[in-house]
PDB file of N, CA and C in Angstrom:
ATOM      1  N   MET A   1     101.565  77.180 107.171  1.00  0.00           N
ATOM      2  CA  MET A   1     101.019  75.888 106.830  1.00  0.00           C
ATOM      3  C   MET A   1      99.699  75.695 107.575  1.00  0.00           C
ATOM      4  N   THR A   2      98.724  75.212 106.859  1.00  0.00           N
ATOM      5  CA  THR A   2      97.428  75.000 107.491  1.00  0.00           C
ATOM      6  C   THR A   2      97.447  73.716 108.310  1.00  0.00           C
ATOM      7  N   SER A   3      96.475  73.567 109.146  1.00  0.00           N
ATOM      8  CA  SER A   3      96.380  72.411 110.029  1.00  0.00           C
ATOM      9  C   SER A   3      96.138  71.135 109.233  1.00  0.00           C
ATOM     10  N   PRO A   4      96.856  70.060 109.545  1.00  0.00           N
ATOM     11  CA  PRO A   4      96.606  68.797 108.847  1.00  0.00           C
ATOM     12  C   PRO A   4      95.337  68.099 109.335  1.00  0.00           C
ATOM     13  N   ILE A   5      94.674  68.670 110.317  1.00  0.00           N
ATOM     14  CA  ILE A   5      93.443  68.082 110.844  1.00  0.00           C
ATOM     15  C   ILE A   5      92.251  68.696 110.119  1.00  0.00           C
ATOM     16  N   PRO A   6      91.461  67.889 109.413  1.00  0.00           N
ATOM     17  CA  PRO A   6      90.297  68.440 108.717  1.00  0.00           C
ATOM     18  C   PRO A   6      89.318  69.059 109.711  1.00  0.00           C
ATOM     19  N   LEU A   7      89.091  70.336 109.593  1.00  0.00           N
ATOM     20  CA  LEU A   7      88.216  71.026 110.528  1.00  0.00           C
ATOM     21  C   LEU A   7      86.745  70.844 110.194  1.00  0.00           C
ATOM     22  N   SER A   8      86.459  70.461 108.959  1.00  0.00           N
ATOM     23  CA  SER A   8      85.062  70.310 108.550  1.00  0.00           C
ATOM     24  C   SER A   8      84.831  68.919 107.963  1.00  0.00           C
ATOM     25  N   ILE A   9      85.094  67.899 108.735  1.00  0.00           N
ATOM     26  CA  ILE A   9      84.979  66.519 108.263  1.00  0.00           C
ATOM     27  C   ILE A   9      83.579  66.200 107.756  1.00  0.00           C
ATOM     28  N   TYR A  10      82.559  66.676 108.440  1.00  0.00           N
ATOM     29  CA  TYR A  10      81.193  66.297 108.090  1.00  0.00           C
ATOM     30  C   TYR A  10      80.578  67.183 107.011  1.00  0.00           C
ATOM     31  N   ASN A  11      81.156  68.323 106.776  1.00  0.00           N
ATOM     32  CA  ASN A  11      80.628  69.250 105.787  1.00  0.00           C
ATOM     33  C   ASN A  11      81.777  69.958 105.071  1.00  0.00           C
ATOM     34  N   PRO A  12      82.629  69.208 104.353  1.00  0.00           N
ATOM     35  CA  PRO A  12      83.808  69.834 103.753  1.00  0.00           C
ATOM     36  C   PRO A  12      83.458  70.859 102.680  1.00  0.00           C
ATOM     37  N   VAL A  13      84.259  71.908 102.628  1.00  0.00           N
ATOM     38  CA  VAL A  13      84.100  72.965 101.633  1.00  0.00           C
ATOM     39  C   VAL A  13      85.372  73.003 100.800  1.00  0.00           C
ATOM     40  N   CYS A  14      85.218  72.976  99.490  1.00  0.00           N
ATOM     41  CA  CYS A  14      86.359  72.991  98.577  1.00  0.00           C
ATOM     42  C   CYS A  14      87.166  74.276  98.762  1.00  0.00           C
ATOM     43  N   SER A  15      88.480  74.140  98.824  1.00  0.00           N
ATOM     44  CA  SER A  15      89.364  75.297  98.998  1.00  0.00           C
ATOM     45  C   SER A  15      89.399  76.185  97.762  1.00  0.00           C
ATOM     46  N   TYR A  16      89.005  75.644  96.614  1.00  0.00           N
ATOM     47  CA  TYR A  16      89.090  76.406  95.366  1.00  0.00           C
ATOM     48  C   TYR A  16      87.767  77.074  94.996  1.00  0.00           C
ATOM     49  N   CYS A  17      86.692  76.299  94.948  1.00  0.00           N
ATOM     50  CA  CYS A  17      85.411  76.855  94.478  1.00  0.00           C
ATOM     51  C   CYS A  17      84.458  77.196  95.626  1.00  0.00           C
ATOM     52  N   TRP A  18      84.813  76.856  96.840  1.00  0.00           N
ATOM     53  CA  TRP A  18      84.038  77.155  98.048  1.00  0.00           C
ATOM     54  C   TRP A  18      82.664  76.490  98.073  1.00  0.00           C
ATOM     55  N   GLU A  19      82.517  75.385  97.354  1.00  0.00           N
ATOM     56  CA  GLU A  19      81.264  74.633  97.364  1.00  0.00           C
ATOM     57  C   GLU A  19      81.363  73.492  98.373  1.00  0.00           C
ATOM     58  N   LYS A  20      80.264  73.219  99.072  1.00  0.00           N
ATOM     59  CA  LYS A  20      80.229  72.064  99.973  1.00  0.00           C
ATOM     60  C   LYS A  20      80.105  70.805  99.126  1.00  0.00           C
ATOM     61  N   SER A  21      80.861  69.777  99.497  1.00  0.00           N
ATOM     62  CA  SER A  21      80.826  68.545  98.722  1.00  0.00           C
ATOM     63  C   SER A  21      81.136  67.346  99.612  1.00  0.00           C
ATOM     64  N   ASP A  22      80.284  66.336  99.536  1.00  0.00           N
ATOM     65  CA  ASP A  22      80.534  65.100 100.281  1.00  0.00           C
ATOM     66  C   ASP A  22      81.673  64.302  99.658  1.00  0.00           C
ATOM     67  N   LYS A  23      81.987  64.594  98.390  1.00  0.00           N
ATOM     68  CA  LYS A  23      83.028  63.856  97.676  1.00  0.00           C
ATOM     69  C   LYS A  23      84.402  64.520  97.780  1.00  0.00           C
ATOM     70  N   ALA A  24      84.497  65.611  98.505  1.00  0.00           N
ATOM     71  CA  ALA A  24      85.769  66.334  98.610  1.00  0.00           C
ATOM     72  C   ALA A  24      86.830  65.475  99.287  1.00  0.00           C
ATOM     73  N   GLU A  25      88.054  65.593  98.774  1.00  0.00           N
ATOM     74  CA  GLU A  25      89.193  64.882  99.342  1.00  0.00           C
ATOM     75  C   GLU A  25      90.062  65.876 100.095  1.00  0.00           C
ATOM     76  N   PHE A  26      90.659  65.429 101.180  1.00  0.00           N
ATOM     77  CA  PHE A  26      91.565  66.257 101.975  1.00  0.00           C
ATOM     78  C   PHE A  26      92.978  65.867 101.574  1.00  0.00           C
ATOM     79  N   ILE A  27      93.648  66.723 100.781  1.00  0.00           N
ATOM     80  CA  ILE A  27      94.954  66.351 100.235  1.00  0.00           C
ATOM     81  C   ILE A  27      96.000  67.429 100.490  1.00  0.00           C
ATOM     82  N   LEU A  28      97.253  67.000 100.420  1.00  0.00           N
ATOM     83  CA  LEU A  28      98.385  67.904 100.578  1.00  0.00           C
ATOM     84  C   LEU A  28      98.781  68.419  99.205  1.00  0.00           C
ATOM     85  N   ILE A  29      98.768  69.744  99.046  1.00  0.00           N
ATOM     86  CA  ILE A  29      99.210  70.373  97.802  1.00  0.00           C
ATOM     87  C   ILE A  29     100.285  71.371  98.189  1.00  0.00           C
ATOM     88  N   GLY A  30     101.498  71.130  97.727  1.00  0.00           N
ATOM     89  CA  GLY A  30     102.611  71.985  98.136  1.00  0.00           C
ATOM     90  C   GLY A  30     102.889  71.768  99.613  1.00  0.00           C
ATOM     91  N   LYS A  31     102.771  72.832 100.393  1.00  0.00           N
ATOM     92  CA  LYS A  31     103.008  72.744 101.833  1.00  0.00           C
ATOM     93  C   LYS A  31     101.719  72.874 102.635  1.00  0.00           C
ATOM     94  N   GLU A  32     100.576  72.912 101.952  1.00  0.00           N
ATOM     95  CA  GLU A  32      99.306  73.118 102.643  1.00  0.00           C
ATOM     96  C   GLU A  32      98.317  72.004 102.326  1.00  0.00           C
ATOM     97  N   PHE A  33      97.439  71.755 103.270  1.00  0.00           N
ATOM     98  CA  PHE A  33      96.364  70.795 103.070  1.00  0.00           C
ATOM     99  C   PHE A  33      95.130  71.535 102.562  1.00  0.00           C
ATOM    100  N   HIS A  34      94.410  70.899 101.634  1.00  0.00           N
ATOM    101  CA  HIS A  34      93.219  71.510 101.044  1.00  0.00           C
ATOM    102  C   HIS A  34      92.118  70.468 100.905  1.00  0.00           C
ATOM    103  N   TRP A  35      90.867  70.933 101.020  1.00  0.00           N
ATOM    104  CA  TRP A  35      89.723  70.137 100.605  1.00  0.00           C
ATOM    105  C   TRP A  35      89.554  70.412  99.119  1.00  0.00           C
ATOM    106  N   VAL A  36      89.482  69.364  98.310  1.00  0.00           N
ATOM    107  CA  VAL A  36      89.338  69.520  96.864  1.00  0.00           C
ATOM    108  C   VAL A  36      88.198  68.624  96.404  1.00  0.00           C
ATOM    109  N   CYS A  37      87.242  69.214  95.665  1.00  0.00           N
ATOM    110  CA  CYS A  37      86.050  68.449  95.282  1.00  0.00           C
ATOM    111  C   CYS A  37      86.133  67.835  93.884  1.00  0.00           C
ATOM    112  N   SER A  38      87.060  68.305  93.031  1.00  0.00           N
ATOM    113  CA  SER A  38      87.139  67.763  91.676  1.00  0.00           C
ATOM    114  C   SER A  38      88.550  67.937  91.117  1.00  0.00           C
ATOM    115  N   LYS A  39      88.786  67.284  89.974  1.00  0.00           N
ATOM    116  CA  LYS A  39      90.096  67.417  89.319  1.00  0.00           C
ATOM    117  C   LYS A  39      90.319  68.855  88.857  1.00  0.00           C
ATOM    118  N   LYS A  40      89.239  69.507  88.430  1.00  0.00           N
ATOM    119  CA  LYS A  40      89.334  70.899  87.968  1.00  0.00           C
ATOM    120  C   LYS A  40      89.822  71.812  89.099  1.00  0.00           C
ATOM    121  N   CYS A  41      89.261  71.627  90.279  1.00  0.00           N
ATOM    122  CA  CYS A  41      89.646  72.458  91.425  1.00  0.00           C
ATOM    123  C   CYS A  41      91.078  72.160  91.858  1.00  0.00           C
ATOM    124  N   LYS A  42      91.453  70.884  91.830  1.00  0.00           N
ATOM    125  CA  LYS A  42      92.828  70.507  92.183  1.00  0.00           C
ATOM    126  C   LYS A  42      93.805  71.154  91.205  1.00  0.00           C
ATOM    127  N   LYS A  43      93.472  71.115  89.917  1.00  0.00           N
ATOM    128  CA  LYS A  43      94.326  71.719  88.895  1.00  0.00           C
ATOM    129  C   LYS A  43      94.421  73.229  89.110  1.00  0.00           C
ATOM    130  N   GLY A  44      93.302  73.863  89.458  1.00  0.00           N
ATOM    131  CA  GLY A  44      93.298  75.302  89.708  1.00  0.00           C
ATOM    132  C   GLY A  44      94.217  75.686  90.851  1.00  0.00           C
ATOM    133  N   ILE A  45      94.211  74.889  91.910  1.00  0.00           N
ATOM    134  CA  ILE A  45      95.092  75.165  93.047  1.00  0.00           C
ATOM    135  C   ILE A  45      96.542  74.933  92.654  1.00  0.00           C
ATOM    136  N   LEU A  46      96.807  73.843  91.928  1.00  0.00           N
ATOM    137  CA  LEU A  46      98.178  73.531  91.512  1.00  0.00           C
ATOM    138  C   LEU A  46      98.762  74.608  90.602  1.00  0.00           C
ATOM    139  N   GLU A  47      97.926  75.192  89.745  1.00  0.00           N
ATOM    140  CA  GLU A  47      98.397  76.225  88.820  1.00  0.00           C
ATOM    141  C   GLU A  47      98.471  77.596  89.463  1.00  0.00           C
ATOM    142  N   GLY A  48      98.051  77.695  90.710  1.00  0.00           N
ATOM    143  CA  GLY A  48      98.170  78.956  91.428  1.00  0.00           C
ATOM    144  C   GLY A  48      97.000  79.897  91.264  1.00  0.00           C
ATOM    145  N   GLU A  49      95.956  79.474  90.558  1.00  0.00           N
ATOM    146  CA  GLU A  49      94.800  80.352  90.369  1.00  0.00           C
ATOM    147  C   GLU A  49      94.109  80.642  91.696  1.00  0.00           C
ATOM    148  N   TYR A  50      94.187  79.698  92.614  1.00  0.00           N
ATOM    149  CA  TYR A  50      93.613  79.856  93.952  1.00  0.00           C
ATOM    150  C   TYR A  50      94.195  81.101  94.613  1.00  0.00           C
ATOM    151  N   PHE A  51      95.500  81.252  94.490  1.00  0.00           N
ATOM    152  CA  PHE A  51      96.171  82.377  95.120  1.00  0.00           C
ATOM    153  C   PHE A  51      95.999  83.663  94.315  1.00  0.00           C
ATOM    154  N   LYS A  52      95.872  83.540  92.993  1.00  0.00           N
ATOM    155  CA  LYS A  52      95.656  84.726  92.157  1.00  0.00           C
ATOM    156  C   LYS A  52      94.347  85.411  92.536  1.00  0.00           C
ATOM    157  N   GLU A  53      93.312  84.623  92.795  1.00  0.00           N
ATOM    158  CA  GLU A  53      92.021  85.194  93.183  1.00  0.00           C
ATOM    159  C   GLU A  53      92.130  85.923  94.517  1.00  0.00           C
ATOM    160  N   ASP A  54      92.871  85.346  95.465  1.00  0.00           N
ATOM    161  CA  ASP A  54      93.088  86.008  96.755  1.00  0.00           C
ATOM    162  C   ASP A  54      93.812  87.328  96.558  1.00  0.00           C
ATOM    163  N   ILE A  55      94.838  87.312  95.717  1.00  0.00           N
ATOM    164  CA  ILE A  55      95.628  88.522  95.476  1.00  0.00           C
ATOM    165  C   ILE A  55      94.757  89.605  94.852  1.00  0.00           C
ATOM    166  N   LYS A  56      93.926  89.237  93.868  1.00  0.00           N
ATOM    167  CA  LYS A  56      93.024  90.212  93.242  1.00  0.00           C
ATOM    168  C   LYS A  56      92.084  90.827  94.275  1.00  0.00           C
ATOM    169  N   TYR A  57      91.537  89.984  95.153  1.00  0.00           N
ATOM    170  CA  TYR A  57      90.613  90.466  96.180  1.00  0.00           C
ATOM    171  C   TYR A  57      91.304  91.473  97.089  1.00  0.00           C
ATOM    172  N   TYR A  58      92.491  91.129  97.572  1.00  0.00           N
ATOM    173  CA  TYR A  58      93.191  92.017  98.499  1.00  0.00           C
ATOM    174  C   TYR A  58      93.682  93.293  97.814  1.00  0.00           C
ATOM    175  N   GLN A  59      94.021  93.213  96.520  1.00  0.00           N
ATOM    176  CA  GLN A  59      94.395  94.419  95.789  1.00  0.00           C
ATOM    177  C   GLN A  59      93.207  95.367  95.679  1.00  0.00           C
ATOM    178  N   LYS A  60      92.026  94.828  95.374  1.00  0.00           N
ATOM    179  CA  LYS A  60      90.826  95.663  95.293  1.00  0.00           C
ATOM    180  C   LYS A  60      90.511  96.289  96.647  1.00  0.00           C
ATOM    181  N   LEU A  61      90.615  95.495  97.708  1.00  0.00           N
ATOM    182  CA  LEU A  61      90.358  95.992  99.052  1.00  0.00           C
ATOM    183  C   LEU A  61      91.344  97.095  99.423  1.00  0.00           C
ATOM    184  N   LEU A  62      92.614  96.882  99.127  1.00  0.00           N
ATOM    185  CA  LEU A  62      93.631  97.891  99.416  1.00  0.00           C
ATOM    186  C   LEU A  62      93.369  99.174  98.635  1.00  0.00           C
ATOM    187  N   ASN A  63      92.984  99.046  97.376  1.00  0.00           N
ATOM    188  CA  ASN A  63      92.669 100.229  96.569  1.00  0.00           C
ATOM    189  C   ASN A  63      91.495 101.007  97.155  1.00  0.00           C
ATOM    190  N   LYS A  64      90.447 100.293  97.601  1.00  0.00           N
ATOM    191  CA  LYS A  64      89.292 100.960  98.205  1.00  0.00           C
ATOM    192  C   LYS A  64      89.683 101.686  99.486  1.00  0.00           C
ATOM    193  N   LEU A  65      90.447 101.003 100.333  1.00  0.00           N
ATOM    194  CA  LEU A  65      90.863 101.614 101.598  1.00  0.00           C
ATOM    195  C   LEU A  65      91.762 102.819 101.366  1.00  0.00           C
ATOM    196  N   THR A  66      92.658 102.710 100.397  1.00  0.00           N
ATOM    197  CA  THR A  66      93.546 103.830 100.074  1.00  0.00           C
ATOM    198  C   THR A  66      92.738 105.017  99.583  1.00  0.00           C
ATOM    199  N   LYS A  67      91.771 104.744  98.705  1.00  0.00           N
ATOM    200  CA  LYS A  67      90.931 105.818  98.176  1.00  0.00           C
ATOM    201  C   LYS A  67      90.127 106.482  99.296  1.00  0.00           C
ATOM    202  N   MET A  68      89.569 105.668 100.205  1.00  0.00           N
ATOM    203  CA  MET A  68      88.808 106.222 101.326  1.00  0.00           C
ATOM    204  C   MET A  68      89.705 107.079 102.214  1.00  0.00           C
ATOM    205  N   TYR A  69      90.907 106.594 102.483  1.00  0.00           N
ATOM    206  CA  TYR A  69      91.844 107.340 103.327  1.00  0.00           C
ATOM    207  C   TYR A  69      92.203 108.668 102.675  1.00  0.00           C
ATOM    208  N   ILE A  70      92.489 108.621 101.381  1.00  0.00           N
ATOM    209  CA  ILE A  70      92.857 109.846 100.664  1.00  0.00           C
ATOM    210  C   ILE A  70      91.704 110.838 100.688  1.00  0.00           C
ATOM    211  N   GLU A  71      90.474 110.356 100.456  1.00  0.00           N
ATOM    212  CA  GLU A  71      89.319 111.256 100.457  1.00  0.00           C
ATOM    213  C   GLU A  71      89.116 111.894 101.826  1.00  0.00           C
ATOM    214  N   ILE A  72      89.243 111.094 102.881  1.00  0.00           N
ATOM    215  CA  ILE A  72      89.057 111.627 104.237  1.00  0.00           C
ATOM    216  C   ILE A  72      90.167 112.600 104.592  1.00  0.00           C
ATOM    217  N   TYR A  73      91.403 112.207 104.327  1.00  0.00           N
ATOM    218  CA  TYR A  73      92.547 113.039 104.689  1.00  0.00           C
ATOM    219  C   TYR A  73      92.610 114.288 103.816  1.00  0.00           C
ATOM    220  N   ASP A  74      92.197 114.132 102.566  1.00  0.00           N
ATOM    221  CA  ASP A  74      92.275 115.224 101.599  1.00  0.00           C
ATOM    222  C   ASP A  74      91.358 116.386 101.964  1.00  0.00           C
ATOM    223  N   GLU A  75      90.256 116.096 102.643  1.00  0.00           N
ATOM    224  CA  GLU A  75      89.339 117.167 103.045  1.00  0.00           C
ATOM    225  C   GLU A  75      90.042 118.180 103.937  1.00  0.00           C
ATOM    226  N   SER A  76      90.923 117.690 104.789  1.00  0.00           N
ATOM    227  CA  SER A  76      91.631 118.599 105.698  1.00  0.00           C
ATOM    228  C   SER A  76      92.899 119.167 105.071  1.00  0.00           C
ATOM    229  N   ASN A  77      93.316 118.594 103.945  1.00  0.00           N
ATOM    230  CA  ASN A  77      94.575 119.030 103.342  1.00  0.00           C
ATOM    231  C   ASN A  77      94.360 119.760 102.013  1.00  0.00           C
ATOM    232  N   GLN A  78      93.148 120.154 101.722  1.00  0.00           N
ATOM    233  CA  GLN A  78      92.776 121.006 100.590  1.00  0.00           C
ATOM    234  C   GLN A  78      93.203 120.472  99.224  1.00  0.00           C
ATOM    235  N   GLY A  79      92.986 119.185  98.982  1.00  0.00           N
ATOM    236  CA  GLY A  79      93.190 118.639  97.641  1.00  0.00           C
ATOM    237  C   GLY A  79      94.592 118.205  97.297  1.00  0.00           C
ATOM    238  N   PHE A  80      95.526 118.229  98.232  1.00  0.00           N
ATOM    239  CA  PHE A  80      96.908 117.867  97.936  1.00  0.00           C
ATOM    240  C   PHE A  80      97.015 116.428  97.427  1.00  0.00           C
ATOM    241  N   PHE A  81      96.362 115.481  98.132  1.00  0.00           N
ATOM    242  CA  PHE A  81      96.471 114.082  97.746  1.00  0.00           C
ATOM    243  C   PHE A  81      95.767 113.798  96.424  1.00  0.00           C
ATOM    244  N   ALA A  82      94.657 114.438  96.179  1.00  0.00           N
ATOM    245  CA  ALA A  82      93.958 114.240  94.906  1.00  0.00           C
ATOM    246  C   ALA A  82      94.845 114.670  93.749  1.00  0.00           C
ATOM    247  N   LYS A  83      95.525 115.794  93.897  1.00  0.00           N
ATOM    248  CA  LYS A  83      96.438 116.270  92.853  1.00  0.00           C
ATOM    249  C   LYS A  83      97.613 115.312  92.680  1.00  0.00           C
ATOM    250  N   LEU A  84      98.146 114.827  93.791  1.00  0.00           N
ATOM    251  CA  LEU A  84      99.275 113.901  93.745  1.00  0.00           C
ATOM    252  C   LEU A  84      98.883 112.590  93.066  1.00  0.00           C
ATOM    253  N   VAL A  85      97.734 112.040  93.419  1.00  0.00           N
ATOM    254  CA  VAL A  85      97.263 110.793  92.823  1.00  0.00           C
ATOM    255  C   VAL A  85      97.014 110.978  91.331  1.00  0.00           C
ATOM    256  N   ASN A  86      96.452 112.104  90.939  1.00  0.00           N
ATOM    257  CA  ASN A  86      96.225 112.370  89.518  1.00  0.00           C
ATOM    258  C   ASN A  86      97.537 112.436  88.756  1.00  0.00           C
ATOM    259  N   LYS A  87      98.553 113.053  89.334  1.00  0.00           N
ATOM    260  CA  LYS A  87      99.866 113.125  88.678  1.00  0.00           C
ATOM    261  C   LYS A  87     100.490 111.739  88.554  1.00  0.00           C
ATOM    262  N   LEU A  88     100.410 110.946  89.616  1.00  0.00           N
ATOM    263  CA  LEU A  88     101.008 109.613  89.598  1.00  0.00           C
ATOM    264  C   LEU A  88     100.263 108.678  88.656  1.00  0.00           C
ATOM    265  N   GLY A  89      98.965 108.882  88.495  1.00  0.00           N
ATOM    266  CA  GLY A  89      98.152 108.035  87.641  1.00  0.00           C
ATOM    267  C   GLY A  89      98.373 108.268  86.162  1.00  0.00           C
ATOM    268  N   LYS A  90      98.975 109.389  85.807  1.00  0.00           N
ATOM    269  CA  LYS A  90      99.182 109.714  84.383  1.00  0.00           C
ATOM    270  C   LYS A  90     100.466 109.149  83.856  1.00  0.00           C
TER     271      LYS A  90
END
């Protein structure tokens, strides 16, 4: 659960679109507090799109890190991981 104390009272940033807004409201959605600048952003958070974007970002990051690890490790292991990944990908 995030802090119920607004950390950016003078310069709030929307939790959904990441835009600074003087009109943003600090509201409780589910179990977390969020700065929300519009009805559209509030709806996006309520529908879970806020979290879907986070998940997509972390999936891409994990894929990049995995690929980098495989490439680095594979150099010393003579292509074993590249062959394994190709088999699993098919």
